[in-house]
PDB file of N, CA and C in Angstrom:
ATOM      1  N   MET A   1      54.560 156.412-103.423  1.00  0.00           N
ATOM      2  CA  MET A   1      55.331 155.204-103.331  1.00  0.00           C
ATOM      3  C   MET A   1      55.866 154.868-104.721  1.00  0.00           C
ATOM      4  N   LYS A   2      57.157 154.616-104.802  1.00  0.00           N
ATOM      5  CA  LYS A   2      57.796 154.291-106.067  1.00  0.00           C
ATOM      6  C   LYS A   2      57.887 152.768-106.215  1.00  0.00           C
ATOM      7  N   HIS A   3      57.507 152.283-107.376  1.00  0.00           N
ATOM      8  CA  HIS A   3      57.550 150.854-107.648  1.00  0.00           C
ATOM      9  C   HIS A   3      58.451 150.582-108.838  1.00  0.00           C
ATOM     10  N   SER A   4      58.888 149.342-108.969  1.00  0.00           N
ATOM     11  CA  SER A   4      59.788 148.952-110.041  1.00  0.00           C
ATOM     12  C   SER A   4      59.164 149.081-111.421  1.00  0.00           C
ATOM     13  N   THR A   5      57.851 149.135-111.488  1.00  0.00           N
ATOM     14  CA  THR A   5      57.174 149.217-112.784  1.00  0.00           C
ATOM     15  C   THR A   5      57.026 150.645-113.279  1.00  0.00           C
ATOM     16  N   GLY A   6      57.296 151.630-112.448  1.00  0.00           N
ATOM     17  CA  GLY A   6      57.186 153.021-112.869  1.00  0.00           C
ATOM     18  C   GLY A   6      55.741 153.444-113.087  1.00  0.00           C
ATOM     19  N   THR A   7      55.590 154.597-113.670  1.00  0.00           N
ATOM     20  CA  THR A   7      54.266 155.153-113.950  1.00  0.00           C
ATOM     21  C   THR A   7      53.689 154.483-115.195  1.00  0.00           C
ATOM     22  N   PRO A   8      52.434 154.039-115.129  1.00  0.00           N
ATOM     23  CA  PRO A   8      51.852 153.385-116.301  1.00  0.00           C
ATOM     24  C   PRO A   8      51.651 154.350-117.464  1.00  0.00           C
ATOM     25  N   ASN A   9      51.859 153.836-118.682  1.00  0.00           N
ATOM     26  CA  ASN A   9      51.560 154.641-119.869  1.00  0.00           C
ATOM     27  C   ASN A   9      50.062 154.548-120.151  1.00  0.00           C
ATOM     28  N   ALA A  10      49.606 155.167-121.220  1.00  0.00           N
ATOM     29  CA  ALA A  10      48.170 155.227-121.513  1.00  0.00           C
ATOM     30  C   ALA A  10      47.565 153.836-121.714  1.00  0.00           C
ATOM     31  N   ALA A  11      48.250 152.978-122.436  1.00  0.00           N
ATOM     32  CA  ALA A  11      47.722 151.633-122.684  1.00  0.00           C
ATOM     33  C   ALA A  11      47.675 150.821-121.388  1.00  0.00           C
ATOM     34  N   GLU A  12      48.697 150.949-120.566  1.00  0.00           N
ATOM     35  CA  GLU A  12      48.727 150.228-119.294  1.00  0.00           C
ATOM     36  C   GLU A  12      47.643 150.732-118.352  1.00  0.00           C
ATOM     37  N   ARG A  13      47.451 152.042-118.320  1.00  0.00           N
ATOM     38  CA  ARG A  13      46.394 152.634-117.489  1.00  0.00           C
ATOM     39  C   ARG A  13      45.029 152.141-117.959  1.00  0.00           C
ATOM     40  N   ALA A  14      44.821 152.104-119.279  1.00  0.00           N
ATOM     41  CA  ALA A  14      43.546 151.626-119.830  1.00  0.00           C
ATOM     42  C   ALA A  14      43.307 150.168-119.442  1.00  0.00           C
ATOM     43  N   HIS A  15      44.357 149.361-119.472  1.00  0.00           N
ATOM     44  CA  HIS A  15      44.242 147.950-119.089  1.00  0.00           C
ATOM     45  C   HIS A  15      43.820 147.827-117.621  1.00  0.00           C
ATOM     46  N   MET A  16      44.462 148.570-116.744  1.00  0.00           N
ATOM     47  CA  MET A  16      44.126 148.498-115.316  1.00  0.00           C
ATOM     48  C   MET A  16      42.740 149.072-115.042  1.00  0.00           C
ATOM     49  N   ASP A  17      42.347 150.111-115.776  1.00  0.00           N
ATOM     50  CA  ASP A  17      40.992 150.655-115.638  1.00  0.00           C
ATOM     51  C   ASP A  17      39.949 149.625-116.069  1.00  0.00           C
ATOM     52  N   LYS A  18      40.265 148.854-117.119  1.00  0.00           N
ATOM     53  CA  LYS A  18      39.366 147.796-117.585  1.00  0.00           C
ATOM     54  C   LYS A  18      39.149 146.759-116.484  1.00  0.00           C
ATOM     55  N   ILE A  19      40.226 146.394-115.795  1.00  0.00           N
ATOM     56  CA  ILE A  19      40.118 145.428-114.695  1.00  0.00           C
ATOM     57  C   ILE A  19      39.185 145.965-113.616  1.00  0.00           C
ATOM     58  N   LYS A  20      39.374 147.212-113.235  1.00  0.00           N
ATOM     59  CA  LYS A  20      38.528 147.812-112.196  1.00  0.00           C
ATOM     60  C   LYS A  20      37.077 147.915-112.658  1.00  0.00           C
ATOM     61  N   ASP A  21      36.871 148.326-113.920  1.00  0.00           N
ATOM     62  CA  ASP A  21      35.515 148.491-114.442  1.00  0.00           C
ATOM     63  C   ASP A  21      34.764 147.165-114.514  1.00  0.00           C
ATOM     64  N   ARG A  22      35.450 146.107-114.853  1.00  0.00           N
ATOM     65  CA  ARG A  22      34.797 144.794-114.945  1.00  0.00           C
ATOM     66  C   ARG A  22      34.432 144.263-113.569  1.00  0.00           C
ATOM     67  N   GLY A  23      35.221 144.612-112.554  1.00  0.00           N
ATOM     68  CA  GLY A  23      34.878 144.259-111.184  1.00  0.00           C
ATOM     69  C   GLY A  23      34.833 142.774-110.889  1.00  0.00           C
ATOM     70  N   VAL A  24      35.788 142.027-111.428  1.00  0.00           N
ATOM     71  CA  VAL A  24      35.832 140.585-111.195  1.00  0.00           C
ATOM     72  C   VAL A  24      37.060 140.241-110.360  1.00  0.00           C
ATOM     73  N   CYS A  25      36.835 139.802-109.135  1.00  0.00           N
ATOM     74  CA  CYS A  25      37.925 139.253-108.324  1.00  0.00           C
ATOM     75  C   CYS A  25      38.110 137.813-108.788  1.00  0.00           C
ATOM     76  N   VAL A  26      39.285 137.514-109.323  1.00  0.00           N
ATOM     77  CA  VAL A  26      39.501 136.185-109.891  1.00  0.00           C
ATOM     78  C   VAL A  26      39.361 135.092-108.833  1.00  0.00           C
ATOM     79  N   CYS A  27      39.685 135.387-107.603  1.00  0.00           N
ATOM     80  CA  CYS A  27      39.574 134.389-106.532  1.00  0.00           C
ATOM     81  C   CYS A  27      38.120 134.181-106.111  1.00  0.00           C
ATOM     82  N   CYS A  28      37.381 135.259-105.949  1.00  0.00           N
ATOM     83  CA  CYS A  28      35.960 135.131-105.598  1.00  0.00           C
ATOM     84  C   CYS A  28      35.217 134.346-106.680  1.00  0.00           C
ATOM     85  N   ARG A  29      35.566 134.606-107.932  1.00  0.00           N
ATOM     86  CA  ARG A  29      34.924 133.899-109.037  1.00  0.00           C
ATOM     87  C   ARG A  29      35.200 132.399-108.949  1.00  0.00           C
ATOM     88  N   GLN A  30      36.421 132.032-108.592  1.00  0.00           N
ATOM     89  CA  GLN A  30      36.745 130.612-108.440  1.00  0.00           C
ATOM     90  C   GLN A  30      35.926 129.976-107.319  1.00  0.00           C
ATOM     91  N   ARG A  31      35.566 130.770-106.319  1.00  0.00           N
ATOM     92  CA  ARG A  31      34.779 130.259-105.191  1.00  0.00           C
ATOM     93  C   ARG A  31      33.277 130.293-105.476  1.00  0.00           C
ATOM     94  N   GLY A  32      32.889 130.728-106.676  1.00  0.00           N
ATOM     95  CA  GLY A  32      31.482 130.729-107.056  1.00  0.00           C
ATOM     96  C   GLY A  32      30.768 132.051-106.861  1.00  0.00           C
ATOM     97  N   TYR A  33      31.498 133.083-106.473  1.00  0.00           N
ATOM     98  CA  TYR A  33      30.904 134.408-106.320  1.00  0.00           C
ATOM     99  C   TYR A  33      31.198 135.200-107.585  1.00  0.00           C
ATOM    100  N   GLY A  34      30.231 135.270-108.484  1.00  0.00           N
ATOM    101  CA  GLY A  34      30.461 135.887-109.777  1.00  0.00           C
ATOM    102  C   GLY A  34      29.963 137.305-109.915  1.00  0.00           C
ATOM    103  N   TYR A  35      29.567 137.928-108.830  1.00  0.00           N
ATOM    104  CA  TYR A  35      29.001 139.269-108.907  1.00  0.00           C
ATOM    105  C   TYR A  35      30.093 140.327-109.126  1.00  0.00           C
ATOM    106  N   LYS A  36      29.669 141.454-109.675  1.00  0.00           N
ATOM    107  CA  LYS A  36      30.580 142.583-109.860  1.00  0.00           C
ATOM    108  C   LYS A  36      30.840 143.217-108.502  1.00  0.00           C
ATOM    109  N   GLN A  37      32.084 143.599-108.266  1.00  0.00           N
ATOM    110  CA  GLN A  37      32.450 144.187-106.985  1.00  0.00           C
ATOM    111  C   GLN A  37      33.623 145.143-107.165  1.00  0.00           C
ATOM    112  N   LEU A  38      33.946 145.847-106.114  1.00  0.00           N
ATOM    113  CA  LEU A  38      35.113 146.712-106.106  1.00  0.00           C
ATOM    114  C   LEU A  38      36.353 145.838-106.075  1.00  0.00           C
ATOM    115  N   VAL A  39      37.222 146.001-107.062  1.00  0.00           N
ATOM    116  CA  VAL A  39      38.463 145.230-107.080  1.00  0.00           C
ATOM    117  C   VAL A  39      39.655 146.175-107.086  1.00  0.00           C
ATOM    118  N   GLU A  40      40.746 145.645-106.597  1.00  0.00           N
ATOM    119  CA  GLU A  40      42.008 146.380-106.568  1.00  0.00           C
ATOM    120  C   GLU A  40      42.958 145.714-107.562  1.00  0.00           C
ATOM    121  N   ILE A  41      43.905 146.485-108.037  1.00  0.00           N
ATOM    122  CA  ILE A  41      44.889 145.983-108.987  1.00  0.00           C
ATOM    123  C   ILE A  41      46.002 145.274-108.229  1.00  0.00           C
ATOM    124  N   HIS A  42      46.247 144.026-108.613  1.00  0.00           N
ATOM    125  CA  HIS A  42      47.363 143.274-108.039  1.00  0.00           C
ATOM    126  C   HIS A  42      48.364 142.999-109.153  1.00  0.00           C
ATOM    127  N   HIS A  43      49.588 143.486-108.974  1.00  0.00           N
ATOM    128  CA  HIS A  43      50.665 143.257-109.939  1.00  0.00           C
ATOM    129  C   HIS A  43      51.264 141.878-109.718  1.00  0.00           C
ATOM    130  N   LEU A  44      51.380 141.117-110.784  1.00  0.00           N
ATOM    131  CA  LEU A  44      51.945 139.780-110.717  1.00  0.00           C
ATOM    132  C   LEU A  44      53.461 139.847-110.733  1.00  0.00           C
ATOM    133  N   LEU A  45      54.076 138.836-110.146  1.00  0.00           N
ATOM    134  CA  LEU A  45      55.524 138.851-109.947  1.00  0.00           C
ATOM    135  C   LEU A  45      56.226 137.763-110.747  1.00  0.00           C
ATOM    136  N   SER A  46      57.499 137.987-110.957  1.00  0.00           N
ATOM    137  CA  SER A  46      58.412 136.984-111.491  1.00  0.00           C
ATOM    138  C   SER A  46      59.750 137.216-110.808  1.00  0.00           C
ATOM    139  N   GLY A  47      60.220 136.224-110.089  1.00  0.00           N
ATOM    140  CA  GLY A  47      61.466 136.390-109.361  1.00  0.00           C
ATOM    141  C   GLY A  47      61.397 137.463-108.295  1.00  0.00           C
ATOM    142  N   GLY A  48      60.213 137.670-107.732  1.00  0.00           N
ATOM    143  CA  GLY A  48      60.037 138.669-106.680  1.00  0.00           C
ATOM    144  C   GLY A  48      59.891 140.094-107.184  1.00  0.00           C
ATOM    145  N   LYS A  49      59.865 140.296-108.495  1.00  0.00           N
ATOM    146  CA  LYS A  49      59.718 141.644-109.062  1.00  0.00           C
ATOM    147  C   LYS A  49      58.448 141.711-109.899  1.00  0.00           C
ATOM    148  N   ARG A  50      57.848 142.887-109.885  1.00  0.00           N
ATOM    149  CA  ARG A  50      56.655 143.097-110.699  1.00  0.00           C
ATOM    150  C   ARG A  50      56.971 142.885-112.175  1.00  0.00           C
ATOM    151  N   ARG A  51      56.044 142.226-112.868  1.00  0.00           N
ATOM    152  CA  ARG A  51      56.234 141.911-114.277  1.00  0.00           C
ATOM    153  C   ARG A  51      55.821 143.058-115.190  1.00  0.00           C
ATOM    154  N   GLY A  52      55.150 144.042-114.659  1.00  0.00           N
ATOM    155  CA  GLY A  52      54.696 145.178-115.462  1.00  0.00           C
ATOM    156  C   GLY A  52      53.211 145.402-115.269  1.00  0.00           C
ATOM    157  N   HIS A  53      52.747 146.549-115.724  1.00  0.00           N
ATOM    158  CA  HIS A  53      51.353 146.936-115.513  1.00  0.00           C
ATOM    159  C   HIS A  53      50.363 146.103-116.326  1.00  0.00           C
ATOM    160  N   LEU A  54      50.828 145.449-117.377  1.00  0.00           N
ATOM    161  CA  LEU A  54      49.927 144.604-118.157  1.00  0.00           C
ATOM    162  C   LEU A  54      49.762 143.228-117.534  1.00  0.00           C
ATOM    163  N   PHE A  55      50.592 142.902-116.574  1.00  0.00           N
ATOM    164  CA  PHE A  55      50.504 141.632-115.853  1.00  0.00           C
ATOM    165  C   PHE A  55      49.867 141.897-114.496  1.00  0.00           C
ATOM    166  N   THR A  56      48.578 142.187-114.531  1.00  0.00           N
ATOM    167  CA  THR A  56      47.819 142.536-113.340  1.00  0.00           C
ATOM    168  C   THR A  56      46.488 141.804-113.349  1.00  0.00           C
ATOM    169  N   VAL A  57      45.966 141.560-112.157  1.00  0.00           N
ATOM    170  CA  VAL A  57      44.644 140.939-112.014  1.00  0.00           C
ATOM    171  C   VAL A  57      43.840 141.733-110.994  1.00  0.00           C
ATOM    172  N   GLY A  58      42.533 141.537-111.041  1.00  0.00           N
ATOM    173  CA  GLY A  58      41.655 142.166-110.068  1.00  0.00           C
ATOM    174  C   GLY A  58      41.429 141.262-108.873  1.00  0.00           C
ATOM    175  N   LEU A  59      41.675 141.792-107.683  1.00  0.00           N
ATOM    176  CA  LEU A  59      41.401 141.082-106.445  1.00  0.00           C
ATOM    177  C   LEU A  59      40.557 141.976-105.541  1.00  0.00           C
ATOM    178  N   CYS A  60      39.627 141.373-104.817  1.00  0.00           N
ATOM    179  CA  CYS A  60      38.846 142.134-103.840  1.00  0.00           C
ATOM    180  C   CYS A  60      39.748 142.485-102.654  1.00  0.00           C
ATOM    181  N   GLN A  61      39.225 143.292-101.749  1.00  0.00           N
ATOM    182  CA  GLN A  61      40.030 143.717-100.594  1.00  0.00           C
ATOM    183  C   GLN A  61      40.439 142.538 -99.720  1.00  0.00           C
ATOM    184  N   TRP A  62      39.597 141.523 -99.603  1.00  0.00           N
ATOM    185  CA  TRP A  62      39.957 140.372 -98.788  1.00  0.00           C
ATOM    186  C   TRP A  62      41.123 139.610 -99.422  1.00  0.00           C
ATOM    187  N   HIS A  63      40.980 139.258-100.676  1.00  0.00           N
ATOM    188  CA  HIS A  63      42.021 138.456-101.313  1.00  0.00           C
ATOM    189  C   HIS A  63      43.315 139.243-101.526  1.00  0.00           C
ATOM    190  N   HIS A  64      43.224 140.549-101.653  1.00  0.00           N
ATOM    191  CA  HIS A  64      44.423 141.361-101.888  1.00  0.00           C
ATOM    192  C   HIS A  64      45.104 141.789-100.591  1.00  0.00           C
ATOM    193  N   ARG A  65      44.328 142.394 -99.684  1.00  0.00           N
ATOM    194  CA  ARG A  65      44.923 143.000 -98.487  1.00  0.00           C
ATOM    195  C   ARG A  65      44.433 142.426 -97.166  1.00  0.00           C
ATOM    196  N   GLY A  66      43.586 141.401 -97.222  1.00  0.00           N
ATOM    197  CA  GLY A  66      43.123 140.763 -95.992  1.00  0.00           C
ATOM    198  C   GLY A  66      42.065 141.537 -95.239  1.00  0.00           C
ATOM    199  N   ILE A  67      41.319 142.387 -95.927  1.00  0.00           N
ATOM    200  CA  ILE A  67      40.233 143.142 -95.295  1.00  0.00           C
ATOM    201  C   ILE A  67      38.923 142.411 -95.589  1.00  0.00           C
ATOM    202  N   PRO A  68      38.291 141.833 -94.568  1.00  0.00           N
ATOM    203  CA  PRO A  68      37.070 141.062 -94.823  1.00  0.00           C
ATOM    204  C   PRO A  68      35.910 141.962 -95.241  1.00  0.00           C
ATOM    205  N   PRO A  69      34.927 141.387 -95.957  1.00  0.00           N
ATOM    206  CA  PRO A  69      33.736 142.161 -96.317  1.00  0.00           C
ATOM    207  C   PRO A  69      33.063 142.733 -95.075  1.00  0.00           C
ATOM    208  N   PHE A  70      32.361 143.832 -95.256  1.00  0.00           N
ATOM    209  CA  PHE A  70      31.687 144.518 -94.150  1.00  0.00           C
ATOM    210  C   PHE A  70      30.816 143.538 -93.369  1.00  0.00           C
ATOM    211  N   GLY A  71      30.989 143.535 -92.056  1.00  0.00           N
ATOM    212  CA  GLY A  71      30.193 142.692 -91.181  1.00  0.00           C
ATOM    213  C   GLY A  71      30.750 141.290 -90.977  1.00  0.00           C
ATOM    214  N   TRP A  72      31.802 140.951 -91.693  1.00  0.00           N
ATOM    215  CA  TRP A  72      32.413 139.638 -91.560  1.00  0.00           C
ATOM    216  C   TRP A  72      33.691 139.753 -90.750  1.00  0.00           C
ATOM    217  N   GLY A  73      34.040 138.692 -90.053  1.00  0.00           N
ATOM    218  CA  GLY A  73      35.340 138.596 -89.409  1.00  0.00           C
ATOM    219  C   GLY A  73      36.292 137.816 -90.300  1.00  0.00           C
ATOM    220  N   ASP A  74      37.528 137.742 -89.873  1.00  0.00           N
ATOM    221  CA  ASP A  74      38.530 137.012 -90.648  1.00  0.00           C
ATOM    222  C   ASP A  74      38.158 135.540 -90.831  1.00  0.00           C
ATOM    223  N   ALA A  75      37.655 134.920 -89.773  1.00  0.00           N
ATOM    224  CA  ALA A  75      37.328 133.493 -89.842  1.00  0.00           C
ATOM    225  C   ALA A  75      36.220 133.227 -90.863  1.00  0.00           C
ATOM    226  N   GLU A  76      35.209 134.070 -90.868  1.00  0.00           N
ATOM    227  CA  GLU A  76      34.109 133.897 -91.815  1.00  0.00           C
ATOM    228  C   GLU A  76      34.603 134.127 -93.246  1.00  0.00           C
ATOM    229  N   ALA A  77      35.427 135.163 -93.447  1.00  0.00           N
ATOM    230  CA  ALA A  77      35.965 135.441 -94.779  1.00  0.00           C
ATOM    231  C   ALA A  77      36.830 134.281 -95.261  1.00  0.00           C
ATOM    232  N   LEU A  78      37.655 133.755 -94.385  1.00  0.00           N
ATOM    233  CA  LEU A  78      38.507 132.625 -94.746  1.00  0.00           C
ATOM    234  C   LEU A  78      37.661 131.417 -95.136  1.00  0.00           C
ATOM    235  N   TYR A  79      36.628 131.133 -94.371  1.00  0.00           N
ATOM    236  CA  TYR A  79      35.762 129.991 -94.635  1.00  0.00           C
ATOM    237  C   TYR A  79      35.020 130.153 -95.963  1.00  0.00           C
ATOM    238  N   GLU A  80      34.438 131.320 -96.179  1.00  0.00           N
ATOM    239  CA  GLU A  80      33.608 131.557 -97.365  1.00  0.00           C
ATOM    240  C   GLU A  80      34.426 131.841 -98.623  1.00  0.00           C
ATOM    241  N   LEU A  81      35.487 132.637 -98.480  1.00  0.00           N
ATOM    242  CA  LEU A  81      36.213 133.154 -99.647  1.00  0.00           C
ATOM    243  C   LEU A  81      37.569 132.512 -99.880  1.00  0.00           C
ATOM    244  N   GLY A  82      38.051 131.782 -98.902  1.00  0.00           N
ATOM    245  CA  GLY A  82      39.375 131.187 -99.025  1.00  0.00           C
ATOM    246  C   GLY A  82      40.442 132.127 -98.494  1.00  0.00           C
ATOM    247  N   PRO A  83      41.699 131.718 -98.608  1.00  0.00           N
ATOM    248  CA  PRO A  83      42.784 132.500 -98.013  1.00  0.00           C
ATOM    249  C   PRO A  83      43.027 133.844 -98.692  1.00  0.00           C
ATOM    250  N   SER A  84      43.576 134.754 -97.914  1.00  0.00           N
ATOM    251  CA  SER A  84      43.968 136.080 -98.387  1.00  0.00           C
ATOM    252  C   SER A  84      45.466 136.080 -98.685  1.00  0.00           C
ATOM    253  N   LEU A  85      45.844 136.676 -99.786  1.00  0.00           N
ATOM    254  CA  LEU A  85      47.259 136.790-100.146  1.00  0.00           C
ATOM    255  C   LEU A  85      48.038 137.528 -99.066  1.00  0.00           C
ATOM    256  N   ALA A  86      47.451 138.582 -98.507  1.00  0.00           N
ATOM    257  CA  ALA A  86      48.136 139.396 -97.494  1.00  0.00           C
ATOM    258  C   ALA A  86      48.360 138.635 -96.194  1.00  0.00           C
ATOM    259  N   LYS A  87      47.548 137.634 -95.948  1.00  0.00           N
ATOM    260  CA  LYS A  87      47.651 136.898 -94.691  1.00  0.00           C
ATOM    261  C   LYS A  87      48.482 135.617 -94.824  1.00  0.00           C
ATOM    262  N   GLY A  88      48.984 135.370 -96.018  1.00  0.00           N
ATOM    263  CA  GLY A  88      49.848 134.205 -96.221  1.00  0.00           C
ATOM    264  C   GLY A  88      49.865 133.756 -97.666  1.00  0.00           C
ATOM    265  N   SER A  89      50.999 133.939 -98.321  1.00  0.00           N
ATOM    266  CA  SER A  89      51.063 133.592 -99.741  1.00  0.00           C
ATOM    267  C   SER A  89      51.012 132.079 -99.976  1.00  0.00           C
ATOM    268  N   LYS A  90      51.549 131.276 -99.074  1.00  0.00           N
ATOM    269  CA  LYS A  90      51.538 129.824 -99.291  1.00  0.00           C
ATOM    270  C   LYS A  90      50.122 129.245 -99.296  1.00  0.00           C
ATOM    271  N   PRO A  91      49.283 129.558 -98.282  1.00  0.00           N
ATOM    272  CA  PRO A  91      47.903 129.047 -98.346  1.00  0.00           C
ATOM    273  C   PRO A  91      47.140 129.607 -99.547  1.00  0.00           C
ATOM    274  N   PHE A  92      47.388 130.891 -99.864  1.00  0.00           N
ATOM    275  CA  PHE A  92      46.725 131.527-100.999  1.00  0.00           C
ATOM    276  C   PHE A  92      47.076 130.788-102.292  1.00  0.00           C
ATOM    277  N   ARG A  93      48.368 130.549-102.501  1.00  0.00           N
ATOM    278  CA  ARG A  93      48.826 129.871-103.732  1.00  0.00           C
ATOM    279  C   ARG A  93      48.327 128.429-103.782  1.00  0.00           C
ATOM    280  N   ALA A  94      48.237 127.771-102.630  1.00  0.00           N
ATOM    281  CA  ALA A  94      47.760 126.387-102.597  1.00  0.00           C
ATOM    282  C   ALA A  94      46.323 126.285-103.100  1.00  0.00           C
ATOM    283  N   VAL A  95      45.521 127.314-102.832  1.00  0.00           N
ATOM    284  CA  VAL A  95      44.113 127.305-103.239  1.00  0.00           C
ATOM    285  C   VAL A  95      43.920 127.904-104.623  1.00  0.00           C
ATOM    286  N   PHE A  96      44.551 129.044-104.891  1.00  0.00           N
ATOM    287  CA  PHE A  96      44.259 129.791-106.118  1.00  0.00           C
ATOM    288  C   PHE A  96      45.315 129.669-107.209  1.00  0.00           C
ATOM    289  N   GLY A  97      46.456 129.088-106.898  1.00  0.00           N
ATOM    290  CA  GLY A  97      47.464 128.843-107.916  1.00  0.00           C
ATOM    291  C   GLY A  97      48.503 129.939-108.040  1.00  0.00           C
ATOM    292  N   THR A  98      49.306 129.795-109.070  1.00  0.00           N
ATOM    293  CA  THR A  98      50.408 130.713-109.342  1.00  0.00           C
ATOM    294  C   THR A  98      49.900 132.017-109.938  1.00  0.00           C
ATOM    295  N   ASP A  99      50.803 132.961-110.100  1.00  0.00           N
ATOM    296  CA  ASP A  99      50.437 134.210-110.763  1.00  0.00           C
ATOM    297  C   ASP A  99      49.937 133.952-112.183  1.00  0.00           C
ATOM    298  N   ASP A 100      50.575 133.023-112.889  1.00  0.00           N
ATOM    299  CA  ASP A 100      50.113 132.684-114.236  1.00  0.00           C
ATOM    300  C   ASP A 100      48.714 132.078-114.204  1.00  0.00           C
ATOM    301  N   ASP A 101      48.418 131.275-113.174  1.00  0.00           N
ATOM    302  CA  ASP A 101      47.074 130.717-113.017  1.00  0.00           C
ATOM    303  C   ASP A 101      46.043 131.822-112.804  1.00  0.00           C
ATOM    304  N   LEU A 102      46.403 132.820-111.986  1.00  0.00           N
ATOM    305  CA  LEU A 102      45.493 133.947-111.741  1.00  0.00           C
ATOM    306  C   LEU A 102      45.231 134.730-113.026  1.00  0.00           C
ATOM    307  N   LEU A 103      46.284 134.970-113.792  1.00  0.00           N
ATOM    308  CA  LEU A 103      46.141 135.699-115.054  1.00  0.00           C
ATOM    309  C   LEU A 103      45.246 134.924-116.022  1.00  0.00           C
ATOM    310  N   ALA A 104      45.445 133.618-116.106  1.00  0.00           N
ATOM    311  CA  ALA A 104      44.611 132.786-116.980  1.00  0.00           C
ATOM    312  C   ALA A 104      43.154 132.787-116.512  1.00  0.00           C
ATOM    313  N   ALA A 105      42.942 132.761-115.203  1.00  0.00           N
ATOM    314  CA  ALA A 105      41.574 132.801-114.663  1.00  0.00           C
ATOM    315  C   ALA A 105      40.889 134.105-115.018  1.00  0.00           C
ATOM    316  N   GLN A 106      41.632 135.194-114.965  1.00  0.00           N
ATOM    317  CA  GLN A 106      41.048 136.490-115.335  1.00  0.00           C
ATOM    318  C   GLN A 106      40.678 136.504-116.813  1.00  0.00           C
ATOM    319  N   GLU A 107      41.529 135.984-117.657  1.00  0.00           N
ATOM    320  CA  GLU A 107      41.228 135.926-119.090  1.00  0.00           C
ATOM    321  C   GLU A 107      39.983 135.076-119.350  1.00  0.00           C
ATOM    322  N   ARG A 108      39.859 133.950-118.651  1.00  0.00           N
ATOM    323  CA  ARG A 108      38.657 133.109-118.808  1.00  0.00           C
ATOM    324  C   ARG A 108      37.410 133.861-118.370  1.00  0.00           C
ATOM    325  N   ALA A 109      37.511 134.603-117.276  1.00  0.00           N
ATOM    326  CA  ALA A 109      36.364 135.375-116.777  1.00  0.00           C
ATOM    327  C   ALA A 109      35.944 136.417-117.805  1.00  0.00           C
ATOM    328  N   TRP A 110      36.907 137.049-118.432  1.00  0.00           N
ATOM    329  CA  TRP A 110      36.594 138.069-119.432  1.00  0.00           C
ATOM    330  C   TRP A 110      35.936 137.465-120.667  1.00  0.00           C
ATOM    331  N   ARG A 111      36.286 136.220-120.974  1.00  0.00           N
ATOM    332  CA  ARG A 111      35.668 135.544-122.129  1.00  0.00           C
ATOM    333  C   ARG A 111      34.316 134.947-121.766  1.00  0.00           C
ATOM    334  N   GLY A 112      33.977 134.982-120.468  1.00  0.00           N
ATOM    335  CA  GLY A 112      32.682 134.459-120.021  1.00  0.00           C
ATOM    336  C   GLY A 112      32.673 132.967-119.816  1.00  0.00           C
ATOM    337  N   GLU A 113      33.835 132.377-119.644  1.00  0.00           N
ATOM    338  CA  GLU A 113      33.909 130.917-119.422  1.00  0.00           C
ATOM    339  C   GLU A 113      33.694 130.564-117.976  1.00  0.00           C
TER     340      GLU A 113
END
């Protein structure tokens, strides 16, 4: 699949690998779930276009693609974890904020705040 951001260079790849290695879903953390988990790279947008590989955050499968944790249904995931971006950007943004808010939340998590 070809994306507007192209293939990441070494620094961009290292940045995205850092996000995966840290395993912090910025949305789960806001909901009080601070454990390390499998996260996926979500590219942040500006004007409907990806801002680049350095403008990325870690999201779990639920918050990124709407796949609930094993053994949970959608209703339970929604109740416990909040809205999924894949299932509706408006409810997701109402709870978790803008792309800039997500990026700032990730930076705070990395600083341990």
